[in-house]
């Protein structure tokens, strides 16, 4: 029973971190840099994953620079147009 509870807690925690990373990225790419900064800070503070903390650090620095220079384009990652590929 304890193993199931520990597994459930671990799954919940990993899911929360994944959701927080997705939310931070989505807010950043929508141009809401202040909220994205706060969400990335939560990912950095709470993720047990070193790689995610490094990504959060990089995005926090990028957002801080964009805000300081008044240039959202420095932090917003625009995606290309989706394409349909037929075989």
PDB file of N, CA and C in Angstrom:
ATOM      1  N   UNK A   1       0.829  -1.195   0.000  1.00  0.00           N
ATOM      2  CA  UNK A   1       0.000   0.000   0.000  1.00  0.00           C
ATOM      3  C   UNK A   1       0.874   1.261   0.000  1.00  0.00           C
ATOM      4  N   UNK A   2       1.936   1.253   0.807  1.00  0.00           N
ATOM      5  CA  UNK A   2       2.818   2.424   0.873  1.00  0.00           C
ATOM      6  C   UNK A   2       3.482   2.684  -0.481  1.00  0.00           C
ATOM      7  N   UNK A   3       3.831   1.606  -1.183  1.00  0.00           N
ATOM      8  CA  UNK A   3       4.454   1.745  -2.499  1.00  0.00           C
ATOM      9  C   UNK A   3       3.488   2.393  -3.478  1.00  0.00           C
ATOM     10  N   UNK A   4       2.213   2.010  -3.423  1.00  0.00           N
ATOM     11  CA  UNK A   4       1.214   2.603  -4.306  1.00  0.00           C
ATOM     12  C   UNK A   4       1.032   4.081  -4.002  1.00  0.00           C
ATOM     13  N   UNK A   5       1.023   4.433  -2.735  1.00  0.00           N
ATOM     14  CA  UNK A   5       0.875   5.844  -2.357  1.00  0.00           C
ATOM     15  C   UNK A   5       2.079   6.635  -2.827  1.00  0.00           C
ATOM     16  N   UNK A   6       3.285   6.095  -2.619  1.00  0.00           N
ATOM     17  CA  UNK A   6       4.498   6.775  -3.062  1.00  0.00           C
ATOM     18  C   UNK A   6       4.506   6.932  -4.580  1.00  0.00           C
ATOM     19  N   UNK A   7       4.079   5.895  -5.298  1.00  0.00           N
ATOM     20  CA  UNK A   7       4.009   5.969  -6.761  1.00  0.00           C
ATOM     21  C   UNK A   7       3.010   7.019  -7.210  1.00  0.00           C
ATOM     22  N   UNK A   8       1.884   7.086  -6.541  1.00  0.00           N
ATOM     23  CA  UNK A   8       0.853   8.071  -6.883  1.00  0.00           C
ATOM     24  C   UNK A   8       1.360   9.488  -6.650  1.00  0.00           C
ATOM     25  N   UNK A   9       2.054   9.684  -5.537  1.00  0.00           N
ATOM     26  CA  UNK A   9       2.594  11.011  -5.232  1.00  0.00           C
ATOM     27  C   UNK A   9       3.654  11.393  -6.257  1.00  0.00           C
ATOM     28  N   UNK A  10       4.530  10.449  -6.603  1.00  0.00           N
ATOM     29  CA  UNK A  10       5.564  10.710  -7.600  1.00  0.00           C
ATOM     30  C   UNK A  10       4.936  11.048  -8.946  1.00  0.00           C
ATOM     31  N   UNK A  11       3.940  10.269  -9.369  1.00  0.00           N
ATOM     32  CA  UNK A  11       3.264  10.538 -10.635  1.00  0.00           C
ATOM     33  C   UNK A  11       2.613  11.911 -10.626  1.00  0.00           C
ATOM     34  N   UNK A  12       1.934  12.238  -9.525  1.00  0.00           N
ATOM     35  CA  UNK A  12       1.303  13.548  -9.418  1.00  0.00           C
ATOM     36  C   UNK A  12       2.340  14.651  -9.530  1.00  0.00           C
ATOM     37  N   UNK A  13       3.472  14.503  -8.828  1.00  0.00           N
ATOM     38  CA  UNK A  13       4.517  15.536  -8.828  1.00  0.00           C
ATOM     39  C   UNK A  13       5.110  15.720 -10.222  1.00  0.00           C
ATOM     40  N   UNK A  14       5.395  14.621 -10.912  1.00  0.00           N
ATOM     41  CA  UNK A  14       5.935  14.703 -12.273  1.00  0.00           C
ATOM     42  C   UNK A  14       4.902  15.336 -13.193  1.00  0.00           C
ATOM     43  N   UNK A  15       3.642  14.962 -13.042  1.00  0.00           N
ATOM     44  CA  UNK A  15       2.580  15.560 -13.866  1.00  0.00           C
ATOM     45  C   UNK A  15       2.467  17.051 -13.606  1.00  0.00           C
ATOM     46  N   UNK A  16       2.583  17.468 -12.341  1.00  0.00           N
ATOM     47  CA  UNK A  16       2.498  18.886 -12.006  1.00  0.00           C
ATOM     48  C   UNK A  16       3.648  19.658 -12.639  1.00  0.00           C
ATOM     49  N   UNK A  17       4.852  19.122 -12.564  1.00  0.00           N
ATOM     50  CA  UNK A  17       6.014  19.788 -13.157  1.00  0.00           C
ATOM     51  C   UNK A  17       5.844  19.893 -14.665  1.00  0.00           C
ATOM     52  N   UNK A  18       5.376  18.822 -15.307  1.00  0.00           N
ATOM     53  CA  UNK A  18       5.149  18.852 -16.753  1.00  0.00           C
ATOM     54  C   UNK A  18       4.101  19.886 -17.123  1.00  0.00           C
ATOM     55  N   UNK A  19       3.032  19.947 -16.351  1.00  0.00           N
ATOM     56  CA  UNK A  19       1.976  20.928 -16.610  1.00  0.00           C
ATOM     57  C   UNK A  19       2.495  22.348 -16.398  1.00  0.00           C
ATOM     58  N   UNK A  20       3.294  22.544 -15.359  1.00  0.00           N
ATOM     59  CA  UNK A  20       3.850  23.877 -15.090  1.00  0.00           C
ATOM     60  C   UNK A  20       4.788  24.301 -16.216  1.00  0.00           C
ATOM     61  N   UNK A  21       5.594  23.380 -16.709  1.00  0.00           N
ATOM     62  CA  UNK A  21       6.504  23.693 -17.824  1.00  0.00           C
ATOM     63  C   UNK A  21       5.699  24.047 -19.074  1.00  0.00           C
ATOM     64  N   UNK A  22       4.660  23.272 -19.366  1.00  0.00           N
ATOM     65  CA  UNK A  22       3.809  23.563 -20.515  1.00  0.00           C
ATOM     66  C   UNK A  22       3.153  24.928 -20.363  1.00  0.00           C
ATOM     67  N   UNK A  23       2.622  25.214 -19.174  1.00  0.00           N
ATOM     68  CA  UNK A  23       1.955  26.500 -18.942  1.00  0.00           C
ATOM     69  C   UNK A  23       2.935  27.656 -19.095  1.00  0.00           C
ATOM     70  N   UNK A  24       4.143  27.501 -18.563  1.00  0.00           N
ATOM     71  CA  UNK A  24       5.151  28.564 -18.678  1.00  0.00           C
ATOM     72  C   UNK A  24       5.490  28.817 -20.141  1.00  0.00           C
ATOM     73  N   UNK A  25       5.706  27.744 -20.871  1.00  0.00           N
ATOM     74  CA  UNK A  25       6.038  27.878 -22.291  1.00  0.00           C
ATOM     75  C   UNK A  25       4.885  28.503 -23.081  1.00  0.00           C
ATOM     76  N   UNK A  26       3.669  28.067 -22.813  1.00  0.00           N
ATOM     77  CA  UNK A  26       2.502  28.609 -23.520  1.00  0.00           C
ATOM     78  C   UNK A  26       2.322  30.095 -23.230  1.00  0.00           C
ATOM     79  N   UNK A  27       2.455  30.490 -21.968  1.00  0.00           N
ATOM     80  CA  UNK A  27       2.309  31.911 -21.619  1.00  0.00           C
ATOM     81  C   UNK A  27       3.423  32.726 -22.265  1.00  0.00           C
ATOM     82  N   UNK A  28       4.628  32.179 -22.262  1.00  0.00           N
ATOM     83  CA  UNK A  28       5.754  32.883 -22.875  1.00  0.00           C
ATOM     84  C   UNK A  28       5.509  33.081 -24.367  1.00  0.00           C
ATOM     85  N   UNK A  29       5.081  32.050 -25.042  1.00  0.00           N
ATOM     86  CA  UNK A  29       4.878  32.144 -26.489  1.00  0.00           C
ATOM     87  C   UNK A  29       3.652  32.957 -26.868  1.00  0.00           C
ATOM     88  N   UNK A  30       2.756  33.194 -25.905  1.00  0.00           N
ATOM     89  CA  UNK A  30       1.612  34.062 -26.167  1.00  0.00           C
ATOM     90  C   UNK A  30       1.966  35.523 -25.909  1.00  0.00           C
ATOM     91  N   UNK A  31       3.162  35.754 -25.326  1.00  0.00           N
ATOM     92  CA  UNK A  31       3.600  37.117 -25.059  1.00  0.00           C
ATOM     93  C   UNK A  31       3.354  37.581 -23.639  1.00  0.00           C
ATOM     94  N   UNK A  32       2.788  36.736 -22.791  1.00  0.00           N
ATOM     95  CA  UNK A  32       2.532  37.089 -21.393  1.00  0.00           C
ATOM     96  C   UNK A  32       3.790  36.783 -20.582  1.00  0.00           C
ATOM     97  N   UNK A  33       4.768  37.664 -20.703  1.00  0.00           N
ATOM     98  CA  UNK A  33       6.086  37.396 -20.162  1.00  0.00           C
ATOM     99  C   UNK A  33       6.151  37.431 -18.637  1.00  0.00           C
ATOM    100  N   UNK A  34       5.358  38.276 -18.006  1.00  0.00           N
ATOM    101  CA  UNK A  34       5.386  38.349 -16.542  1.00  0.00           C
ATOM    102  C   UNK A  34       4.888  37.036 -15.934  1.00  0.00           C
ATOM    103  N   UNK A  35       3.769  36.540 -16.447  1.00  0.00           N
ATOM    104  CA  UNK A  35       3.238  35.271 -15.946  1.00  0.00           C
ATOM    105  C   UNK A  35       4.194  34.129 -16.279  1.00  0.00           C
ATOM    106  N   UNK A  36       4.746  34.139 -17.480  1.00  0.00           N
ATOM    107  CA  UNK A  36       5.705  33.101 -17.872  1.00  0.00           C
ATOM    108  C   UNK A  36       6.909  33.101 -16.949  1.00  0.00           C
ATOM    109  N   UNK A  37       7.391  34.276 -16.607  1.00  0.00           N
ATOM    110  CA  UNK A  37       8.531  34.392 -15.693  1.00  0.00           C
ATOM    111  C   UNK A  37       8.202  33.729 -14.359  1.00  0.00           C
ATOM    112  N   UNK A  38       7.032  34.019 -13.831  1.00  0.00           N
ATOM    113  CA  UNK A  38       6.618  33.447 -12.545  1.00  0.00           C
ATOM    114  C   UNK A  38       6.477  31.934 -12.622  1.00  0.00           C
ATOM    115  N   UNK A  39       5.914  31.443 -13.717  1.00  0.00           N
ATOM    116  CA  UNK A  39       5.743  29.997 -13.876  1.00  0.00           C
ATOM    117  C   UNK A  39       7.090  29.290 -14.034  1.00  0.00           C
ATOM    118  N   UNK A  40       7.998  29.876 -14.827  1.00  0.00           N
ATOM    119  CA  UNK A  40       9.334  29.287 -14.974  1.00  0.00           C
ATOM    120  C   UNK A  40      10.059  29.287 -13.630  1.00  0.00           C
ATOM    121  N   UNK A  41       9.859  30.326 -12.828  1.00  0.00           N
ATOM    122  CA  UNK A  41      10.489  30.376 -11.503  1.00  0.00           C
ATOM    123  C   UNK A  41       9.982  29.230 -10.625  1.00  0.00           C
ATOM    124  N   UNK A  42       8.699  28.890 -10.748  1.00  0.00           N
ATOM    125  CA  UNK A  42       8.145  27.759  -9.993  1.00  0.00           C
ATOM    126  C   UNK A  42       8.747  26.445 -10.467  1.00  0.00           C
ATOM    127  N   UNK A  43       8.900  26.302 -11.781  1.00  0.00           N
ATOM    128  CA  UNK A  43       9.525  25.087 -12.318  1.00  0.00           C
ATOM    129  C   UNK A  43      10.951  24.975 -11.782  1.00  0.00           C
ATOM    130  N   UNK A  44      11.690  26.071 -11.823  1.00  0.00           N
ATOM    131  CA  UNK A  44      13.077  26.063 -11.336  1.00  0.00           C
ATOM    132  C   UNK A  44      13.138  25.699  -9.850  1.00  0.00           C
ATOM    133  N   UNK A  45      12.243  26.247  -9.068  1.00  0.00           N
ATOM    134  CA  UNK A  45      12.266  26.022  -7.622  1.00  0.00           C
ATOM    135  C   UNK A  45      11.799  24.627  -7.226  1.00  0.00           C
ATOM    136  N   UNK A  46      10.945  24.002  -8.027  1.00  0.00           N
ATOM    137  CA  UNK A  46      10.302  22.763  -7.596  1.00  0.00           C
ATOM    138  C   UNK A  46      10.666  21.508  -8.377  1.00  0.00           C
ATOM    139  N   UNK A  47      11.320  21.650  -9.506  1.00  0.00           N
ATOM    140  CA  UNK A  47      11.611  20.465 -10.308  1.00  0.00           C
ATOM    141  C   UNK A  47      12.783  19.675  -9.737  1.00  0.00           C
ATOM    142  N   UNK A  48      12.609  18.365  -9.612  1.00  0.00           N
ATOM    143  CA  UNK A  48      13.725  17.532  -9.192  1.00  0.00           C
ATOM    144  C   UNK A  48      14.678  17.239 -10.360  1.00  0.00           C
ATOM    145  N   UNK A  49      14.266  17.621 -11.553  1.00  0.00           N
ATOM    146  CA  UNK A  49      15.025  17.327 -12.763  1.00  0.00           C
ATOM    147  C   UNK A  49      16.003  18.465 -13.070  1.00  0.00           C
ATOM    148  N   UNK A  50      17.284  18.159 -13.059  1.00  0.00           N
ATOM    149  CA  UNK A  50      18.320  19.170 -13.309  1.00  0.00           C
ATOM    150  C   UNK A  50      18.153  19.825 -14.680  1.00  0.00           C
ATOM    151  N   UNK A  51      17.841  19.038 -15.699  1.00  0.00           N
ATOM    152  CA  UNK A  51      17.680  19.578 -17.051  1.00  0.00           C
ATOM    153  C   UNK A  51      16.538  20.592 -17.107  1.00  0.00           C
ATOM    154  N   UNK A  52      15.415  20.284 -16.473  1.00  0.00           N
ATOM    155  CA  UNK A  52      14.294  21.230 -16.448  1.00  0.00           C
ATOM    156  C   UNK A  52      14.660  22.510 -15.712  1.00  0.00           C
ATOM    157  N   UNK A  53      15.428  22.378 -14.632  1.00  0.00           N
ATOM    158  CA  UNK A  53      15.868  23.580 -13.909  1.00  0.00           C
ATOM    159  C   UNK A  53      16.781  24.432 -14.786  1.00  0.00           C
ATOM    160  N   UNK A  54      17.641  23.794 -15.592  1.00  0.00           N
ATOM    161  CA  UNK A  54      18.509  24.538 -16.511  1.00  0.00           C
ATOM    162  C   UNK A  54      17.693  25.230 -17.605  1.00  0.00           C
ATOM    163  N   UNK A  55      16.695  24.548 -18.129  1.00  0.00           N
ATOM    164  CA  UNK A  55      15.804  25.154 -19.128  1.00  0.00           C
ATOM    165  C   UNK A  55      15.092  26.352 -18.514  1.00  0.00           C
ATOM    166  N   UNK A  56      14.591  26.178 -17.294  1.00  0.00           N
ATOM    167  CA  UNK A  56      13.902  27.273 -16.609  1.00  0.00           C
ATOM    168  C   UNK A  56      14.836  28.463 -16.418  1.00  0.00           C
ATOM    169  N   UNK A  57      16.072  28.207 -15.998  1.00  0.00           N
ATOM    170  CA  UNK A  57      17.052  29.293 -15.835  1.00  0.00           C
ATOM    171  C   UNK A  57      17.261  30.055 -17.138  1.00  0.00           C
ATOM    172  N   UNK A  58      17.423  29.307 -18.229  1.00  0.00           N
ATOM    173  CA  UNK A  58      17.646  29.929 -19.539  1.00  0.00           C
ATOM    174  C   UNK A  58      16.452  30.783 -19.957  1.00  0.00           C
ATOM    175  N   UNK A  59      15.238  30.252 -19.769  1.00  0.00           N
ATOM    176  CA  UNK A  59      14.045  31.000 -20.165  1.00  0.00           C
ATOM    177  C   UNK A  59      13.816  32.210 -19.262  1.00  0.00           C
ATOM    178  N   UNK A  60      14.105  32.071 -17.980  1.00  0.00           N
ATOM    179  CA  UNK A  60      13.987  33.208 -17.061  1.00  0.00           C
ATOM    180  C   UNK A  60      14.931  34.328 -17.483  1.00  0.00           C
ATOM    181  N   UNK A  61      16.176  33.977 -17.818  1.00  0.00           N
ATOM    182  CA  UNK A  61      17.135  34.991 -18.283  1.00  0.00           C
ATOM    183  C   UNK A  61      16.658  35.659 -19.573  1.00  0.00           C
ATOM    184  N   UNK A  62      16.145  34.849 -20.486  1.00  0.00           N
ATOM    185  CA  UNK A  62      15.656  35.375 -21.774  1.00  0.00           C
ATOM    186  C   UNK A  62      14.469  36.319 -21.559  1.00  0.00           C
ATOM    187  N   UNK A  63      13.558  35.937 -20.679  1.00  0.00           N
ATOM    188  CA  UNK A  63      12.387  36.773 -20.393  1.00  0.00           C
ATOM    189  C   UNK A  63      12.803  38.063 -19.698  1.00  0.00           C
ATOM    190  N   UNK A  64      13.713  37.957 -18.737  1.00  0.00           N
ATOM    191  CA  UNK A  64      14.174  39.156 -18.022  1.00  0.00           C
ATOM    192  C   UNK A  64      14.814  40.146 -18.988  1.00  0.00           C
ATOM    193  N   UNK A  65      15.612  39.652 -19.923  1.00  0.00           N
ATOM    194  CA  UNK A  65      16.229  40.528 -20.920  1.00  0.00           C
ATOM    195  C   UNK A  65      15.164  41.162 -21.809  1.00  0.00           C
ATOM    196  N   UNK A  66      14.197  40.380 -22.242  1.00  0.00           N
ATOM    197  CA  UNK A  66      13.125  40.900 -23.099  1.00  0.00           C
ATOM    198  C   UNK A  66      12.335  41.990 -22.399  1.00  0.00           C
ATOM    199  N   UNK A  67      12.030  41.786 -21.121  1.00  0.00           N
ATOM    200  CA  UNK A  67      11.281  42.789 -20.357  1.00  0.00           C
ATOM    201  C   UNK A  67      12.128  44.044 -20.173  1.00  0.00           C
ATOM    202  N   UNK A  68      13.401  43.863 -19.826  1.00  0.00           N
ATOM    203  CA  UNK A  68      14.285  45.013 -19.591  1.00  0.00           C
ATOM    204  C   UNK A  68      14.459  45.866 -20.840  1.00  0.00           C
ATOM    205  N   UNK A  69      14.519  45.210 -22.004  1.00  0.00           N
ATOM    206  CA  UNK A  69      14.716  45.933 -23.262  1.00  0.00           C
ATOM    207  C   UNK A  69      13.404  46.301 -23.947  1.00  0.00           C
ATOM    208  N   UNK A  70      12.287  45.852 -23.380  1.00  0.00           N
ATOM    209  CA  UNK A  70      10.997  46.142 -24.005  1.00  0.00           C
ATOM    210  C   UNK A  70      10.832  45.449 -25.345  1.00  0.00           C
ATOM    211  N   UNK A  71      11.417  44.275 -25.463  1.00  0.00           N
ATOM    212  CA  UNK A  71      11.388  43.528 -26.733  1.00  0.00           C
ATOM    213  C   UNK A  71      10.908  42.112 -26.493  1.00  0.00           C
ATOM    214  N   UNK A  72       9.612  41.921 -26.544  1.00  0.00           N
ATOM    215  CA  UNK A  72       9.030  40.595 -26.315  1.00  0.00           C
ATOM    216  C   UNK A  72       9.560  39.571 -27.311  1.00  0.00           C
ATOM    217  N   UNK A  73       9.944  40.031 -28.505  1.00  0.00           N
ATOM    218  CA  UNK A  73      10.425  39.104 -29.532  1.00  0.00           C
ATOM    219  C   UNK A  73      11.671  38.333 -29.097  1.00  0.00           C
ATOM    220  N   UNK A  74      12.391  38.832 -28.106  1.00  0.00           N
ATOM    221  CA  UNK A  74      13.576  38.124 -27.619  1.00  0.00           C
ATOM    222  C   UNK A  74      13.210  36.852 -26.851  1.00  0.00           C
ATOM    223  N   UNK A  75      11.996  36.799 -26.328  1.00  0.00           N
ATOM    224  CA  UNK A  75      11.593  35.670 -25.501  1.00  0.00           C
ATOM    225  C   UNK A  75      10.481  34.821 -26.098  1.00  0.00           C
ATOM    226  N   UNK A  76       9.790  35.345 -27.097  1.00  0.00           N
ATOM    227  CA  UNK A  76       8.661  34.625 -27.678  1.00  0.00           C
ATOM    228  C   UNK A  76       9.168  33.752 -28.819  1.00  0.00           C
ATOM    229  N   UNK A  77       8.843  32.474 -28.738  1.00  0.00           N
ATOM    230  CA  UNK A  77       9.236  31.507 -29.767  1.00  0.00           C
ATOM    231  C   UNK A  77       8.042  31.295 -30.688  1.00  0.00           C
ATOM    232  N   UNK A  78       8.095  31.826 -31.856  1.00  0.00           N
ATOM    233  CA  UNK A  78       6.991  31.662 -32.802  1.00  0.00           C
ATOM    234  C   UNK A  78       7.144  30.341 -33.543  1.00  0.00           C
ATOM    235  N   UNK A  79       6.054  29.623 -33.621  1.00  0.00           N
ATOM    236  CA  UNK A  79       6.062  28.364 -34.346  1.00  0.00           C
ATOM    237  C   UNK A  79       5.683  28.626 -35.789  1.00  0.00           C
ATOM    238  N   UNK A  80       6.190  27.808 -36.674  1.00  0.00           N
ATOM    239  CA  UNK A  80       5.850  27.924 -38.079  1.00  0.00           C
ATOM    240  C   UNK A  80       4.428  27.462 -38.329  1.00  0.00           C
ATOM    241  N   UNK A  81       3.975  27.668 -39.546  1.00  0.00           N
ATOM    242  CA  UNK A  81       2.634  27.210 -39.926  1.00  0.00           C
ATOM    243  C   UNK A  81       2.629  25.691 -40.022  1.00  0.00           C
ATOM    244  N   UNK A  82       1.565  25.089 -39.528  1.00  0.00           N
ATOM    245  CA  UNK A  82       1.474  23.622 -39.686  1.00  0.00           C
ATOM    246  C   UNK A  82       1.286  23.264 -41.168  1.00  0.00           C
ATOM    247  N   UNK A  83       1.822  22.150 -41.557  1.00  0.00           N
ATOM    248  CA  UNK A  83       1.704  21.715 -42.946  1.00  0.00           C
ATOM    249  C   UNK A  83       1.137  20.310 -42.960  1.00  0.00           C
ATOM    250  N   UNK A  84       0.366  20.038 -44.000  1.00  0.00           N
ATOM    251  CA  UNK A  84      -0.161  18.697 -44.209  1.00  0.00           C
ATOM    252  C   UNK A  84       0.763  17.999 -45.191  1.00  0.00           C
ATOM    253  N   UNK A  85       1.247  16.855 -44.773  1.00  0.00           N
ATOM    254  CA  UNK A  85       2.155  16.087 -45.638  1.00  0.00           C
ATOM    255  C   UNK A  85       1.399  14.869 -46.143  1.00  0.00           C
ATOM    256  N   UNK A  86       1.304  14.761 -47.441  1.00  0.00           N
ATOM    257  CA  UNK A  86       0.618  13.589 -48.016  1.00  0.00           C
ATOM    258  C   UNK A  86       1.652  12.642 -48.588  1.00  0.00           C
ATOM    259  N   UNK A  87       1.336  11.398 -48.534  1.00  0.00           N
ATOM    260  CA  UNK A  87       2.271  10.371 -49.020  1.00  0.00           C
ATOM    261  C   UNK A  87       1.915   9.940 -50.403  1.00  0.00           C
TER     262      UNK A  87
END
